[in-house]
């Protein structure tokens, strides 16, 4: 008795994409993984310091400083979308990790300050 073929659903597609991403991550060299983690932590560090410094230096205060940072990061995302097609090189992955760390640190800082 043969089993019926699986119906292709969005959940199944998402599971396949996640599985492929995990396999690709496991097949990466230790250099790429360690550089990615360092870039993520560097983004966190820069975000923590940048939000503290810009909060005092920018005339509009914290909201204007965060708006400027978010707009700059959005420009980086748009630029990457236009320049990179297919698998991005290691440099773009590092830029993405710095961006993610920076955004995460700014969001955590906002939660800490209660705004």
N, C-alpha and C. Protein backbone atom coordinates (compact mmCIF):
# COMPACT_ATOMS: atom_id res chain seq x y z
N UNK A 1 0.84 -1.16 0.00
CA UNK A 1 0.00 0.00 0.00
C UNK A 1 0.90 1.24 0.00
N UNK A 2 0.67 2.14 -0.92
CA UNK A 2 1.50 3.35 -1.01
C UNK A 2 0.81 4.50 -0.28
N UNK A 3 1.64 5.36 0.28
CA UNK A 3 1.07 6.51 0.98
C UNK A 3 0.74 7.61 -0.02
N UNK A 4 -0.21 8.43 0.35
CA UNK A 4 -0.60 9.53 -0.51
C UNK A 4 0.47 10.61 -0.47
N UNK A 5 0.66 11.32 -1.56
CA UNK A 5 1.67 12.39 -1.55
C UNK A 5 1.25 13.53 -0.62
N UNK A 6 2.25 14.14 -0.01
CA UNK A 6 1.98 15.25 0.90
C UNK A 6 1.55 16.48 0.10
N UNK A 7 0.57 17.17 0.63
CA UNK A 7 0.14 18.40 0.00
C UNK A 7 1.12 19.52 0.36
N UNK A 8 1.49 20.32 -0.61
CA UNK A 8 2.46 21.38 -0.37
C UNK A 8 1.73 22.57 0.28
N UNK A 9 2.04 22.82 1.53
CA UNK A 9 1.41 23.92 2.27
C UNK A 9 2.47 24.97 2.61
N UNK A 10 2.02 26.10 3.11
CA UNK A 10 2.96 27.15 3.52
C UNK A 10 3.81 26.68 4.69
N UNK A 11 3.21 25.93 5.61
CA UNK A 11 3.96 25.42 6.75
C UNK A 11 5.06 24.47 6.30
N UNK A 12 4.72 23.58 5.38
CA UNK A 12 5.72 22.64 4.87
C UNK A 12 6.84 23.40 4.14
N UNK A 13 6.48 24.42 3.37
CA UNK A 13 7.49 25.22 2.68
C UNK A 13 8.40 25.95 3.66
N UNK A 14 7.81 26.48 4.74
CA UNK A 14 8.61 27.17 5.76
C UNK A 14 9.55 26.19 6.45
N UNK A 15 9.07 25.00 6.74
CA UNK A 15 9.92 23.98 7.37
C UNK A 15 11.07 23.59 6.46
N UNK A 16 10.82 23.48 5.17
CA UNK A 16 11.88 23.14 4.23
C UNK A 16 12.92 24.25 4.15
N UNK A 17 12.47 25.52 4.14
CA UNK A 17 13.41 26.64 4.09
C UNK A 17 14.26 26.70 5.36
N UNK A 18 13.64 26.48 6.50
CA UNK A 18 14.38 26.48 7.76
C UNK A 18 15.39 25.34 7.78
N UNK A 19 14.97 24.18 7.31
CA UNK A 19 15.88 23.03 7.25
C UNK A 19 17.07 23.29 6.35
N UNK A 20 16.82 23.90 5.19
CA UNK A 20 17.92 24.22 4.27
C UNK A 20 18.86 25.25 4.90
N UNK A 21 18.30 26.25 5.60
CA UNK A 21 19.14 27.27 6.24
C UNK A 21 20.00 26.65 7.34
N UNK A 22 19.42 25.73 8.12
CA UNK A 22 20.19 25.07 9.18
C UNK A 22 21.30 24.20 8.60
N UNK A 23 20.99 23.48 7.52
CA UNK A 23 22.02 22.66 6.88
C UNK A 23 23.16 23.53 6.34
N UNK A 24 22.79 24.66 5.73
CA UNK A 24 23.82 25.56 5.19
C UNK A 24 24.67 26.13 6.32
N UNK A 25 24.04 26.42 7.46
CA UNK A 25 24.78 26.95 8.59
C UNK A 25 25.75 25.90 9.16
N UNK A 26 25.32 24.66 9.20
CA UNK A 26 26.18 23.60 9.71
C UNK A 26 27.32 23.29 8.75
N UNK A 27 27.11 23.50 7.46
CA UNK A 27 28.14 23.24 6.47
C UNK A 27 29.14 24.39 6.36
N UNK A 28 28.81 25.55 6.92
CA UNK A 28 29.71 26.70 6.86
C UNK A 28 31.00 26.41 7.62
N UNK A 29 32.01 27.14 7.26
CA UNK A 29 33.27 26.99 7.97
C UNK A 29 33.17 27.68 9.32
N UNK A 30 34.07 27.33 10.21
CA UNK A 30 34.07 27.95 11.53
C UNK A 30 34.41 29.42 11.42
N UNK A 31 35.16 29.78 10.39
CA UNK A 31 35.52 31.19 10.20
C UNK A 31 34.29 32.04 9.93
N UNK A 32 33.42 31.57 9.04
CA UNK A 32 32.21 32.33 8.73
C UNK A 32 31.28 32.45 9.93
N UNK A 33 31.14 31.33 10.67
CA UNK A 33 30.25 31.36 11.84
C UNK A 33 30.81 32.27 12.94
N UNK A 34 32.10 32.20 13.18
CA UNK A 34 32.68 33.03 14.24
C UNK A 34 32.67 34.50 13.84
N UNK A 35 32.94 34.80 12.57
CA UNK A 35 32.86 36.19 12.12
C UNK A 35 31.44 36.72 12.20
N UNK A 36 30.47 35.87 11.89
CA UNK A 36 29.06 36.28 12.00
C UNK A 36 28.68 36.60 13.43
N UNK A 37 29.12 35.76 14.36
CA UNK A 37 28.82 36.00 15.77
C UNK A 37 29.53 37.26 16.27
N UNK A 38 30.77 37.45 15.86
CA UNK A 38 31.49 38.66 16.25
C UNK A 38 30.82 39.91 15.68
N UNK A 39 30.33 39.83 14.45
CA UNK A 39 29.63 40.97 13.85
C UNK A 39 28.34 41.27 14.61
N UNK A 40 27.63 40.23 15.02
CA UNK A 40 26.40 40.42 15.80
C UNK A 40 26.71 41.11 17.12
N UNK A 41 27.75 40.66 17.81
CA UNK A 41 28.13 41.26 19.08
C UNK A 41 28.67 42.68 18.89
N UNK A 42 29.39 42.92 17.80
CA UNK A 42 29.88 44.26 17.52
C UNK A 42 28.71 45.21 17.25
N UNK A 43 27.70 44.73 16.55
CA UNK A 43 26.50 45.54 16.33
C UNK A 43 25.79 45.87 17.63
N UNK A 44 25.73 44.89 18.53
CA UNK A 44 25.14 45.12 19.84
C UNK A 44 25.93 46.21 20.58
N UNK A 45 27.25 46.09 20.58
CA UNK A 45 28.12 47.05 21.27
C UNK A 45 27.96 48.45 20.69
N UNK A 46 27.99 48.55 19.38
CA UNK A 46 27.85 49.85 18.72
C UNK A 46 26.47 50.43 19.01
N UNK A 47 25.45 49.60 18.99
CA UNK A 47 24.09 50.09 19.26
C UNK A 47 23.94 50.62 20.67
N UNK A 48 24.52 49.93 21.64
CA UNK A 48 24.45 50.40 23.03
C UNK A 48 25.16 51.74 23.18
N UNK A 49 26.35 51.86 22.63
CA UNK A 49 27.11 53.10 22.77
C UNK A 49 26.52 54.22 21.92
N UNK A 50 26.06 53.88 20.73
CA UNK A 50 25.50 54.90 19.85
C UNK A 50 24.23 55.49 20.43
N UNK A 51 23.38 54.65 21.00
CA UNK A 51 22.14 55.19 21.57
C UNK A 51 22.43 56.06 22.78
N UNK A 52 23.44 55.73 23.56
CA UNK A 52 23.80 56.56 24.72
C UNK A 52 24.40 57.89 24.28
N UNK A 53 25.27 57.86 23.28
CA UNK A 53 25.92 59.09 22.83
C UNK A 53 24.98 59.99 22.05
N UNK A 54 24.18 59.40 21.18
CA UNK A 54 23.28 60.21 20.37
C UNK A 54 22.14 60.80 21.19
N UNK A 55 21.78 60.11 22.26
CA UNK A 55 20.70 60.60 23.09
C UNK A 55 21.05 61.97 23.67
N UNK A 56 22.31 62.19 23.97
CA UNK A 56 22.76 63.46 24.55
C UNK A 56 23.12 64.47 23.45
N UNK A 57 23.72 63.98 22.36
CA UNK A 57 24.27 64.87 21.34
C UNK A 57 23.22 65.43 20.38
N UNK A 58 22.18 64.66 20.06
CA UNK A 58 21.19 65.10 19.07
C UNK A 58 20.20 66.05 19.74
N UNK A 59 19.90 67.18 19.11
CA UNK A 59 19.00 68.15 19.73
C UNK A 59 17.61 67.62 20.03
N UNK A 60 17.09 66.72 19.21
CA UNK A 60 15.75 66.19 19.42
C UNK A 60 15.69 65.11 20.49
N UNK A 61 16.82 64.66 20.97
CA UNK A 61 16.85 63.63 22.00
C UNK A 61 16.77 62.24 21.43
N UNK A 62 16.35 61.31 22.26
CA UNK A 62 16.33 59.89 21.91
C UNK A 62 15.45 59.57 20.70
N UNK A 63 14.22 60.09 20.59
CA UNK A 63 13.40 59.70 19.42
C UNK A 63 14.03 60.07 18.09
N UNK A 64 14.62 61.25 18.01
CA UNK A 64 15.24 61.67 16.76
C UNK A 64 16.49 60.83 16.46
N UNK A 65 17.25 60.52 17.49
CA UNK A 65 18.46 59.70 17.31
C UNK A 65 18.10 58.31 16.81
N UNK A 66 17.09 57.71 17.39
CA UNK A 66 16.67 56.37 16.96
C UNK A 66 16.11 56.42 15.55
N UNK A 67 15.37 57.47 15.21
CA UNK A 67 14.83 57.61 13.86
C UNK A 67 15.96 57.69 12.84
N UNK A 68 17.00 58.44 13.14
CA UNK A 68 18.14 58.55 12.23
C UNK A 68 18.82 57.20 12.03
N UNK A 69 19.02 56.48 13.12
CA UNK A 69 19.67 55.16 13.03
C UNK A 69 18.81 54.20 12.21
N UNK A 70 17.51 54.19 12.46
CA UNK A 70 16.62 53.27 11.73
C UNK A 70 16.59 53.63 10.25
N UNK A 71 16.56 54.91 9.91
CA UNK A 71 16.57 55.30 8.50
C UNK A 71 17.86 54.90 7.80
N UNK A 72 18.99 55.05 8.48
CA UNK A 72 20.26 54.63 7.89
C UNK A 72 20.30 53.11 7.67
N UNK A 73 19.78 52.37 8.63
CA UNK A 73 19.77 50.92 8.48
C UNK A 73 18.80 50.48 7.39
N UNK A 74 17.70 51.17 7.25
CA UNK A 74 16.77 50.86 6.17
C UNK A 74 17.42 51.13 4.81
N UNK A 75 18.23 52.17 4.73
CA UNK A 75 18.94 52.44 3.48
C UNK A 75 19.92 51.32 3.15
N UNK A 76 20.57 50.77 4.18
CA UNK A 76 21.49 49.64 3.96
C UNK A 76 20.72 48.42 3.45
N UNK A 77 19.55 48.18 4.01
CA UNK A 77 18.74 47.03 3.57
C UNK A 77 18.30 47.22 2.12
N UNK A 78 17.86 48.42 1.76
CA UNK A 78 17.44 48.68 0.38
C UNK A 78 18.62 48.55 -0.58
N UNK A 79 19.77 49.02 -0.18
CA UNK A 79 20.96 48.92 -1.02
C UNK A 79 21.35 47.46 -1.24
N UNK A 80 21.27 46.66 -0.18
CA UNK A 80 21.60 45.24 -0.33
C UNK A 80 20.63 44.55 -1.26
N UNK A 81 19.35 44.88 -1.16
CA UNK A 81 18.36 44.27 -2.03
C UNK A 81 18.60 44.56 -3.50
N UNK A 82 19.14 45.72 -3.80
CA UNK A 82 19.41 46.07 -5.20
C UNK A 82 20.74 45.50 -5.71
N UNK A 83 21.73 45.40 -4.83
CA UNK A 83 23.06 44.99 -5.28
C UNK A 83 23.27 43.48 -5.27
N UNK A 84 22.67 42.77 -4.32
CA UNK A 84 22.95 41.35 -4.14
C UNK A 84 21.77 40.53 -4.61
N UNK A 85 22.05 39.61 -5.52
CA UNK A 85 21.05 38.64 -5.94
C UNK A 85 21.62 37.25 -5.69
N UNK A 86 20.79 36.37 -5.22
CA UNK A 86 21.26 35.02 -4.90
C UNK A 86 21.87 34.98 -3.52
N UNK A 87 22.86 34.10 -3.34
CA UNK A 87 23.52 33.97 -2.06
C UNK A 87 24.45 35.16 -1.82
N UNK A 88 24.27 35.86 -0.70
CA UNK A 88 25.13 37.02 -0.44
C UNK A 88 26.53 36.58 -0.01
N UNK A 89 27.54 37.35 -0.37
CA UNK A 89 28.90 37.03 0.09
C UNK A 89 29.04 37.28 1.59
N UNK A 90 30.16 36.86 2.14
CA UNK A 90 30.39 36.96 3.57
C UNK A 90 30.33 38.40 4.06
N UNK A 91 30.79 39.34 3.27
CA UNK A 91 30.78 40.75 3.69
C UNK A 91 29.36 41.24 3.94
N UNK A 92 28.42 40.87 3.07
CA UNK A 92 27.04 41.29 3.27
C UNK A 92 26.41 40.59 4.46
N UNK A 93 26.80 39.35 4.71
CA UNK A 93 26.29 38.66 5.89
C UNK A 93 26.78 39.34 7.17
N UNK A 94 28.02 39.80 7.15
CA UNK A 94 28.55 40.51 8.31
C UNK A 94 27.83 41.85 8.50
N UNK A 95 27.56 42.55 7.42
CA UNK A 95 26.81 43.81 7.51
C UNK A 95 25.42 43.55 8.07
N UNK A 96 24.78 42.47 7.62
CA UNK A 96 23.45 42.12 8.15
C UNK A 96 23.50 41.80 9.63
N UNK A 97 24.54 41.09 10.06
CA UNK A 97 24.64 40.75 11.48
C UNK A 97 24.90 41.99 12.33
N UNK A 98 25.71 42.90 11.84
CA UNK A 98 25.92 44.16 12.57
C UNK A 98 24.60 44.92 12.66
N UNK A 99 23.85 44.94 11.57
CA UNK A 99 22.55 45.62 11.55
C UNK A 99 21.59 44.99 12.55
N UNK A 100 21.53 43.67 12.57
CA UNK A 100 20.64 42.99 13.50
C UNK A 100 21.02 43.26 14.95
N UNK A 101 22.30 43.21 15.25
CA UNK A 101 22.75 43.49 16.61
C UNK A 101 22.43 44.91 17.02
N UNK A 102 22.61 45.86 16.10
CA UNK A 102 22.34 47.25 16.40
C UNK A 102 20.85 47.48 16.65
N UNK A 103 20.01 46.92 15.82
CA UNK A 103 18.57 47.08 16.00
C UNK A 103 18.12 46.43 17.30
N UNK A 104 18.62 45.25 17.59
CA UNK A 104 18.23 44.55 18.81
C UNK A 104 18.64 45.35 20.04
N UNK A 105 19.83 45.93 20.03
CA UNK A 105 20.27 46.70 21.20
C UNK A 105 19.43 47.96 21.38
N UNK A 106 19.05 48.60 20.29
CA UNK A 106 18.22 49.81 20.39
C UNK A 106 16.83 49.44 20.93
N UNK A 107 16.27 48.33 20.48
CA UNK A 107 14.97 47.90 20.97
C UNK A 107 15.03 47.53 22.45
N UNK A 108 16.06 46.82 22.86
CA UNK A 108 16.20 46.46 24.27
C UNK A 108 16.39 47.71 25.12
N UNK A 109 17.15 48.67 24.61
CA UNK A 109 17.34 49.94 25.33
C UNK A 109 16.01 50.66 25.49
N UNK A 110 15.17 50.63 24.46
CA UNK A 110 13.86 51.28 24.55
C UNK A 110 13.00 50.60 25.60
N UNK A 111 13.05 49.28 25.68
CA UNK A 111 12.28 48.58 26.71
C UNK A 111 12.81 48.88 28.10
N UNK A 112 14.13 49.01 28.22
CA UNK A 112 14.70 49.31 29.52
C UNK A 112 14.27 50.69 30.00
N UNK A 113 14.20 51.64 29.09
CA UNK A 113 13.83 53.00 29.45
C UNK A 113 12.33 53.19 29.56
N UNK A 114 11.57 52.20 29.11
CA UNK A 114 10.12 52.26 29.24
C UNK A 114 9.45 53.18 28.24
N UNK A 115 10.05 53.34 27.07
CA UNK A 115 9.42 54.19 26.07
C UNK A 115 9.10 53.41 24.82
